[in-house]
Amino acid sequence: MIDSSDFVDELVSGGIRYLTGVPCSFLTPLINESIARQDTRYLIASSEGDALSIASGLWLGGESAAVMCQNSGLGNMVNPLTSLSDTFQIPTLLLVTWRGRPGEKDEPQHAQMGKITPDLLTLLDIPWQVLPKEPQAALALLRATQQAIKTTEKTHALVIEGGTFASSGAVPDSASVHACEQLPSRAEALSVIVANTPAASVLVATTGKTGRELFTLDDRPRNFYCVGSMGYASAIAHGLSLATEHPVYVLDGDGAAIMHLGNLTSIAISGRRNFTHIVIDNQTYDSTGGQKSAAYNVDFCAIAMACGYRGATRCHSIADLQAALAQRSEGPHLIHVPVNCGALENLGRPTMPPPVVARRLKENLV
């Protein structure tokens, strides 16, 4: 395995001082190393396309950046890769993880992208190689790739498998601005939501530990667990609220909500009174090592109201959350729930295949 400190040393030697992207657990040691160092700066990006565009702006200003992302995020990057990087011939180093690699066990949401990742990069005309796990070979390839980017002025990708980077001693600064408050855990907030929503409600849980904890706490036929599609849970719930008169609650995360904040404008325009948007905000990407999200600087209630929601409530305690849910406010209504980091111990995953979850919900809405 590669020492993340040595890898970042090589990036810096090649002129890269900025790293940006959306976290993936395969990249946790590398991200934490770039956050902890004084000679690099890690830039929190709302999405992979945002990260690539930031890197392009840095290049235009005379700097260089590496973009780090999970291969599932390539979908968010296709537009700027084809219409910005390629059109303006702006080169960037992409560090792309290979989740769902054929022949390796992974979660179901990674299977399709894992299968097509090499072909997708080739189709995008991006030279790529798998980063070796042997340290000296990896550093040599990184050095050669950085030189090729400078020579050709063309974007290149290094594809990273699980277990490539050794665990780093660096720890991200995930201190929350809520740290002085007595906050509930996400599981406690979810328990209150489950206990205080009508039995006929539809609960749409965002990807990551929110859906996993909801499944563990109270699996219902009208629950929908987004095991991927980060940032789109609110849009799925929006569509459901149009198709049914059942109360629809989306259990969003801070990082997921930020990734596609534009969804709030569409939700507001539809004006569905049965739609409640709950943002469970721990200000970190909990599933990938606790890197800080941009939520520490975001007023979700103000954004919802500016987009046209009928109301918004910030909950400072479990009692506030219970009261907000009891009001049954007309939607679209946003409830902002700050929580502490962390998850239930020995947290499992939904045991039903995603197609079964989808069809179970559909059948229970007929």
Protein backbone atom coordinates (compact mmCIF):
# COMPACT_ATOMS: atom_id res chain seq x y z
CA MET A 1 0.00 0.00 0.00
CA ILE A 2 1.00 3.60 -0.60
CA ASP A 3 1.81 6.07 2.16
CA SER A 4 -0.49 9.04 1.53
CA SER A 5 2.20 11.44 2.75
CA ASP A 6 4.61 10.21 0.06
CA PHE A 7 1.89 10.48 -2.57
CA VAL A 8 1.03 14.08 -1.64
CA ASP A 9 4.76 14.91 -1.53
CA GLU A 10 4.93 13.81 -5.17
CA LEU A 11 1.86 15.87 -6.08
CA VAL A 12 3.44 18.95 -4.51
CA SER A 13 6.75 18.27 -6.28
CA GLY A 14 4.81 18.24 -9.54
CA GLY A 15 3.29 21.64 -8.83
CA ILE A 16 -0.07 20.63 -7.35
CA ARG A 17 -0.97 22.47 -4.15
CA TYR A 18 -4.75 22.22 -4.36
CA LEU A 19 -6.87 19.09 -4.05
CA THR A 20 -10.62 19.17 -4.41
CA GLY A 21 -13.48 16.74 -4.81
CA VAL A 22 -16.20 14.73 -3.12
CA PRO A 23 -15.00 12.11 -0.60
CA CYS A 24 -14.87 8.36 -1.20
CA SER A 25 -13.83 5.87 1.47
CA PHE A 26 -11.06 4.57 -0.83
CA LEU A 27 -9.54 8.07 -0.70
CA THR A 28 -9.92 8.77 3.03
CA PRO A 29 -6.17 8.60 3.87
CA LEU A 30 -5.29 10.84 0.92
CA ILE A 31 -8.00 13.39 1.71
CA ASN A 32 -7.11 13.51 5.39
CA GLU A 33 -3.43 13.96 4.53
CA SER A 34 -4.19 16.87 2.20
CA ILE A 35 -6.34 18.52 4.88
CA ALA A 36 -3.72 18.14 7.60
CA ARG A 37 -0.73 19.52 5.67
CA GLN A 38 0.46 23.11 5.49
CA ASP A 39 1.72 22.93 1.90
CA THR A 40 -1.59 21.78 0.39
CA ARG A 41 -5.14 23.03 0.53
CA TYR A 42 -8.19 20.79 0.33
CA LEU A 43 -11.20 22.53 -1.21
CA ILE A 44 -14.65 21.23 -0.29
CA ALA A 45 -16.68 20.80 -3.47
CA SER A 46 -20.46 20.43 -3.66
CA SER A 47 -20.22 17.93 -6.53
CA GLU A 48 -17.67 16.35 -8.83
CA GLY A 49 -18.54 18.77 -11.63
CA ASP A 50 -18.01 21.62 -9.20
CA ALA A 51 -14.59 20.18 -8.28
CA LEU A 52 -13.49 19.91 -11.92
CA SER A 53 -14.63 23.46 -12.61
CA ILE A 54 -12.75 24.76 -9.56
CA ALA A 55 -9.63 22.99 -10.83
CA SER A 56 -10.13 24.56 -14.26
CA GLY A 57 -10.35 28.01 -12.73
CA LEU A 58 -7.18 27.37 -10.74
CA TRP A 59 -5.39 26.35 -13.95
CA LEU A 60 -6.56 29.53 -15.68
CA GLY A 61 -5.11 31.48 -12.76
CA GLY A 62 -1.73 29.78 -12.99
CA GLU A 63 -2.20 27.06 -10.36
CA SER A 64 -2.72 23.31 -10.62
CA ALA A 65 -5.16 21.04 -8.82
CA ALA A 66 -5.97 17.36 -8.53
CA VAL A 67 -9.61 16.29 -8.52
CA MET A 68 -10.50 13.33 -6.31
CA CYS A 69 -13.76 11.46 -6.72
CA GLN A 70 -15.54 8.13 -6.66
CA ASN A 71 -16.21 6.67 -10.09
CA SER A 72 -19.95 7.13 -9.47
CA GLY A 73 -19.25 10.87 -9.57
CA LEU A 74 -18.01 10.71 -13.17
CA GLY A 75 -21.63 11.18 -14.20
CA ASN A 76 -21.67 14.59 -12.53
CA MET A 77 -18.41 15.40 -14.30
CA VAL A 78 -19.26 14.46 -17.89
CA ASN A 79 -20.68 17.87 -18.83
CA PRO A 80 -17.65 19.95 -17.74
CA LEU A 81 -15.25 17.25 -18.97
CA THR A 82 -16.69 17.50 -22.49
CA SER A 83 -17.69 21.16 -22.67
CA LEU A 84 -15.03 22.79 -20.45
CA SER A 85 -11.90 20.64 -20.12
CA ASP A 86 -11.98 19.36 -23.69
CA THR A 87 -13.36 22.48 -25.38
CA PHE A 88 -10.87 24.86 -23.76
CA GLN A 89 -8.07 22.27 -23.55
CA ILE A 90 -7.70 22.73 -19.80
CA PRO A 91 -5.78 19.77 -18.30
CA THR A 92 -6.49 18.25 -14.89
CA LEU A 93 -5.26 15.25 -12.94
CA LEU A 94 -8.22 13.04 -11.97
CA LEU A 95 -7.87 10.58 -9.09
CA VAL A 96 -10.87 8.29 -9.58
CA THR A 97 -11.71 5.35 -7.35
CA TRP A 98 -12.92 2.10 -8.87
CA ARG A 99 -15.91 1.01 -6.83
CA GLY A 100 -17.78 -1.99 -8.18
CA ARG A 101 -14.84 -3.38 -10.12
CA PRO A 102 -16.00 -6.57 -11.88
CA GLY A 103 -15.12 -9.65 -9.87
CA GLU A 104 -14.90 -7.77 -6.57
CA LYS A 105 -17.68 -7.68 -3.98
CA ASP A 106 -19.22 -4.24 -3.49
CA GLU A 107 -22.58 -2.61 -2.87
CA PRO A 108 -25.23 -2.90 -5.64
CA GLN A 109 -25.23 0.79 -6.55
CA HIS A 110 -21.61 0.48 -7.73
CA ALA A 111 -22.07 -2.46 -10.09
CA GLN A 112 -23.02 -0.64 -13.29
CA MET A 113 -20.51 2.19 -12.98
CA GLY A 114 -17.81 -0.25 -11.92
CA LYS A 115 -18.39 -2.23 -15.09
CA ILE A 116 -18.20 0.78 -17.42
CA THR A 117 -15.56 2.96 -15.73
CA PRO A 118 -12.66 2.03 -18.07
CA ASP A 119 -14.85 2.33 -21.18
CA LEU A 120 -16.30 5.64 -20.00
CA LEU A 121 -12.86 7.20 -19.51
CA THR A 122 -11.75 5.87 -22.89
CA LEU A 123 -14.93 7.18 -24.54
CA LEU A 124 -14.22 10.60 -23.01
CA ASP A 125 -10.74 10.41 -24.59
CA ILE A 126 -9.06 10.60 -21.18
CA PRO A 127 -5.80 8.63 -20.90
CA TRP A 128 -5.95 6.49 -17.77
CA GLN A 129 -4.08 3.82 -15.86
CA VAL A 130 -4.75 1.86 -12.69
CA LEU A 131 -2.53 3.16 -9.88
CA PRO A 132 -0.29 0.32 -8.66
CA LYS A 133 -0.43 -0.56 -4.97
CA GLU A 134 3.34 -1.02 -4.86
CA PRO A 135 4.65 2.34 -3.55
CA GLN A 136 7.61 2.95 -5.85
CA ALA A 137 5.68 1.94 -8.97
CA ALA A 138 2.79 4.17 -7.92
CA LEU A 139 4.97 7.21 -7.34
CA ALA A 140 6.76 6.65 -10.64
CA LEU A 141 3.42 6.50 -12.48
CA LEU A 142 2.18 9.63 -10.71
CA ARG A 143 5.37 11.45 -11.69
CA ALA A 144 5.04 10.34 -15.31
CA THR A 145 1.35 11.26 -15.43
CA GLN A 146 1.95 14.76 -14.08
CA GLN A 147 4.65 15.24 -16.71
CA ALA A 148 2.33 13.95 -19.45
CA ILE A 149 -0.35 16.43 -18.38
CA LYS A 150 2.13 19.29 -18.69
CA THR A 151 3.45 18.07 -22.04
CA THR A 152 0.13 17.29 -23.72
CA GLU A 153 -2.08 19.79 -21.85
CA LYS A 154 -4.64 17.00 -21.65
CA THR A 155 -6.62 15.63 -18.71
CA HIS A 156 -5.36 12.26 -17.41
CA ALA A 157 -6.86 9.90 -14.83
CA LEU A 158 -5.37 7.53 -12.30
CA VAL A 159 -7.87 4.84 -11.30
CA ILE A 160 -7.60 3.78 -7.67
CA GLU A 161 -8.67 0.44 -6.23
CA GLY A 162 -9.67 -0.24 -2.65
CA GLY A 163 -6.78 -0.74 -0.25
CA THR A 164 -4.36 1.31 -2.34
CA PHE A 165 -3.58 3.85 0.38
CA ALA A 166 -2.44 2.90 3.87
CA SER A 167 -4.37 4.38 6.77
CA SER A 168 -3.08 7.83 7.59
CA GLY A 169 -2.35 9.26 11.00
CA ALA A 170 -3.85 12.52 9.78
CA VAL A 171 -7.32 13.23 11.13
CA PRO A 172 -9.70 15.65 9.41
CA ASP A 173 -10.93 18.73 11.22
CA SER A 174 -14.56 17.69 11.52
CA ALA A 175 -15.29 19.91 14.49
CA SER A 176 -18.85 21.13 14.11
CA VAL A 177 -20.02 24.69 14.69
CA HIS A 178 -22.74 22.99 16.72
CA ALA A 179 -20.19 21.39 19.04
CA CYS A 180 -21.19 23.57 21.99
CA GLU A 181 -24.83 22.44 21.77
CA GLN A 182 -26.32 19.29 23.26
CA LEU A 183 -27.17 17.58 20.01
CA PRO A 184 -28.88 14.26 19.39
CA SER A 185 -27.34 11.54 17.29
CA ARG A 186 -28.69 10.92 13.80
CA ALA A 187 -30.21 7.65 15.06
CA GLU A 188 -32.02 9.50 17.85
CA ALA A 189 -33.39 12.01 15.35
CA LEU A 190 -34.52 9.21 13.05
CA SER A 191 -36.26 7.44 15.94
CA VAL A 192 -38.21 10.62 16.68
CA ILE A 193 -39.13 11.03 13.01
CA VAL A 194 -40.36 7.43 12.78
CA ALA A 195 -42.43 7.84 15.96
CA ASN A 196 -43.95 11.17 14.94
CA THR A 197 -44.91 10.71 11.30
CA PRO A 198 -48.28 9.27 10.21
CA ALA A 199 -48.37 5.52 9.60
CA ALA A 200 -49.27 6.15 5.95
CA SER A 201 -46.18 8.30 5.37
CA VAL A 202 -43.58 7.68 2.69
CA LEU A 203 -40.01 8.06 3.99
CA VAL A 204 -37.26 8.59 1.41
CA ALA A 205 -33.81 8.30 3.00
CA THR A 206 -30.69 9.69 1.38
CA THR A 207 -27.66 7.57 0.58
CA GLY A 208 -25.11 6.66 3.22
CA LYS A 209 -25.76 5.99 6.87
CA THR A 210 -29.13 7.73 7.00
CA GLY A 211 -30.82 5.02 4.97
CA ARG A 212 -28.88 2.28 6.72
CA GLU A 213 -29.91 3.53 10.15
CA LEU A 214 -33.54 3.99 9.10
CA PHE A 215 -33.64 0.39 7.84
CA THR A 216 -32.10 -0.81 11.12
CA LEU A 217 -34.47 1.21 13.30
CA ASP A 218 -37.78 0.69 11.49
CA ASP A 219 -38.11 -0.88 8.07
CA ARG A 220 -41.53 -0.03 6.63
CA PRO A 221 -43.14 -1.00 3.31
CA ARG A 222 -43.32 2.69 2.36
CA ASN A 223 -39.64 3.38 3.06
CA PHE A 224 -37.29 4.02 0.15
CA TYR A 225 -33.54 3.76 0.72
CA CYS A 226 -31.33 5.63 -1.76
CA VAL A 227 -28.22 3.47 -1.80
CA GLY A 228 -26.62 5.78 -4.38
CA SER A 229 -27.77 8.81 -6.40
CA MET A 230 -26.28 11.24 -3.90
CA GLY A 231 -28.20 14.50 -3.80
CA TYR A 232 -31.27 13.17 -5.58
CA ALA A 233 -33.35 11.87 -2.65
CA SER A 234 -35.25 15.16 -2.50
CA ALA A 235 -36.07 14.93 -6.22
CA ILE A 236 -37.30 11.35 -5.82
CA ALA A 237 -39.49 12.45 -2.91
CA HIS A 238 -40.70 15.39 -4.99
CA GLY A 239 -41.90 13.03 -7.71
CA LEU A 240 -43.57 10.80 -5.14
CA SER A 241 -45.39 13.77 -3.61
CA LEU A 242 -46.86 14.56 -7.03
CA ALA A 243 -47.99 10.98 -7.62
CA THR A 244 -49.64 10.34 -4.25
CA GLU A 245 -51.59 12.12 -1.52
CA HIS A 246 -49.68 10.23 1.18
CA PRO A 247 -47.45 12.46 3.34
CA VAL A 248 -43.95 12.31 1.86
CA TYR A 249 -40.86 12.98 3.97
CA VAL A 250 -37.37 13.12 2.53
CA LEU A 251 -34.62 12.43 5.07
CA ASP A 252 -31.75 14.33 3.50
CA GLY A 253 -28.16 14.86 4.57
CA ASP A 254 -26.22 18.11 4.61
CA GLY A 255 -23.66 17.00 2.01
CA ALA A 256 -26.33 15.42 -0.19
CA ALA A 257 -28.60 18.48 0.00
CA ILE A 258 -25.72 20.79 -0.90
CA MET A 259 -24.76 18.64 -3.89
CA HIS A 260 -28.02 19.47 -5.69
CA LEU A 261 -29.50 22.50 -3.93
CA GLY A 262 -31.27 23.42 -7.16
CA ASN A 263 -33.78 20.68 -6.36
CA LEU A 264 -35.33 23.04 -3.81
CA THR A 265 -36.48 25.41 -6.55
CA SER A 266 -38.34 22.65 -8.40
CA ILE A 267 -39.92 21.44 -5.17
CA ALA A 268 -41.07 24.96 -4.32
CA ILE A 269 -42.58 25.51 -7.76
CA SER A 270 -44.67 22.34 -7.45
CA GLY A 271 -45.86 23.54 -4.06
CA ARG A 272 -46.96 20.11 -2.82
CA ARG A 273 -48.56 20.41 0.61
CA ASN A 274 -47.73 16.78 1.44
CA PHE A 275 -43.97 17.33 1.08
CA THR A 276 -41.66 17.70 4.10
CA HIS A 277 -37.92 18.09 3.62
CA ILE A 278 -35.88 17.07 6.68
CA VAL A 279 -32.16 17.91 6.50
CA ILE A 280 -30.24 15.87 9.08
CA ASP A 281 -27.06 17.90 9.39
CA ASN A 282 -23.88 16.59 11.03
CA GLN A 283 -21.69 18.88 8.89
CA THR A 284 -19.55 15.96 7.73
CA TYR A 285 -19.33 13.20 5.17
CA ASP A 286 -19.74 10.56 7.85
CA SER A 287 -19.51 7.52 5.57
CA THR A 288 -16.09 8.43 4.19
CA GLY A 289 -14.11 9.30 7.30
CA GLY A 290 -15.75 12.42 8.72
CA GLN A 291 -14.42 15.09 6.38
CA LYS A 292 -16.14 18.42 6.96
CA SER A 293 -18.90 19.35 4.52
CA ALA A 294 -19.72 22.92 3.52
CA ALA A 295 -22.80 22.89 5.79
CA TYR A 296 -21.02 24.80 8.57
CA ASN A 297 -21.57 27.91 6.45
CA VAL A 298 -25.10 27.15 5.21
CA ASP A 299 -28.49 28.33 6.51
CA PHE A 300 -30.77 25.65 5.08
CA CYS A 301 -33.93 27.31 6.40
CA ALA A 302 -33.10 30.63 4.75
CA ILE A 303 -32.31 28.88 1.46
CA ALA A 304 -35.60 26.97 1.54
CA MET A 305 -37.59 30.13 2.17
CA ALA A 306 -35.70 32.02 -0.54
CA CYS A 307 -36.51 29.20 -2.98
CA GLY A 308 -40.21 29.45 -2.18
CA TYR A 309 -40.94 26.82 0.48
CA ARG A 310 -44.02 27.61 2.57
CA GLY A 311 -42.09 27.28 5.80
CA ALA A 312 -38.86 26.22 7.48
CA THR A 313 -37.99 25.25 11.04
CA ARG A 314 -34.62 24.81 12.74
CA CYS A 315 -34.61 22.34 15.59
CA HIS A 316 -32.24 22.90 18.50
CA SER A 317 -33.30 19.77 20.39
CA ILE A 318 -35.29 16.55 20.23
CA ALA A 319 -38.22 18.44 21.77
CA ASP A 320 -38.05 20.98 18.93
CA LEU A 321 -38.08 18.16 16.37
CA GLN A 322 -41.07 16.52 18.03
CA ALA A 323 -42.92 19.84 18.04
CA ALA A 324 -42.06 20.56 14.40
CA LEU A 325 -43.35 17.16 13.29
CA ALA A 326 -46.49 17.48 15.43
CA GLN A 327 -47.46 20.71 13.68
CA ARG A 328 -47.93 18.90 10.36
CA SER A 329 -47.07 22.15 8.57
CA GLU A 330 -48.22 22.52 4.98
CA GLY A 331 -45.47 21.78 2.52
CA PRO A 332 -43.17 22.29 1.02
CA HIS A 333 -41.72 22.67 4.50
CA LEU A 334 -38.08 22.21 5.51
CA ILE A 335 -36.99 21.01 8.94
CA HIS A 336 -33.29 21.50 9.72
CA VAL A 337 -32.00 19.06 12.35
CA PRO A 338 -28.39 19.55 13.52
CA VAL A 339 -26.99 16.28 14.91
CA ASN A 340 -23.70 14.93 16.19
CA CYS A 341 -21.34 12.85 14.08
CA GLY A 342 -21.26 9.10 14.41
CA ALA A 343 -23.53 6.15 13.72
CA LEU A 344 -25.06 3.10 15.35
CA GLU A 345 -22.48 0.44 16.22
CA ASN A 346 -22.16 -2.52 13.87
CA LEU A 347 -24.43 -0.77 11.41
CA GLY A 348 -25.68 -3.06 8.69
CA ARG A 349 -27.23 -2.36 5.31
CA PRO A 350 -30.68 -2.98 3.83
CA THR A 351 -30.96 -6.73 3.27
CA MET A 352 -33.44 -6.42 0.39
CA PRO A 353 -32.14 -5.85 -3.14
CA PRO A 354 -32.90 -2.29 -4.37
CA PRO A 355 -35.42 -3.49 -7.02
CA VAL A 356 -37.40 -5.20 -4.25
CA VAL A 357 -37.39 -2.01 -2.16
CA ALA A 358 -38.67 -0.01 -5.14
CA ARG A 359 -41.46 -2.43 -6.05
CA ARG A 360 -42.53 -2.90 -2.45
CA LEU A 361 -43.03 0.85 -2.15
CA LYS A 362 -44.86 1.07 -5.46
CA GLU A 363 -47.23 -1.75 -4.52
CA ASN A 364 -47.98 -0.14 -1.15
CA LEU A 365 -48.99 3.13 -2.78
CA VAL A 366 -51.56 1.60 -5.13
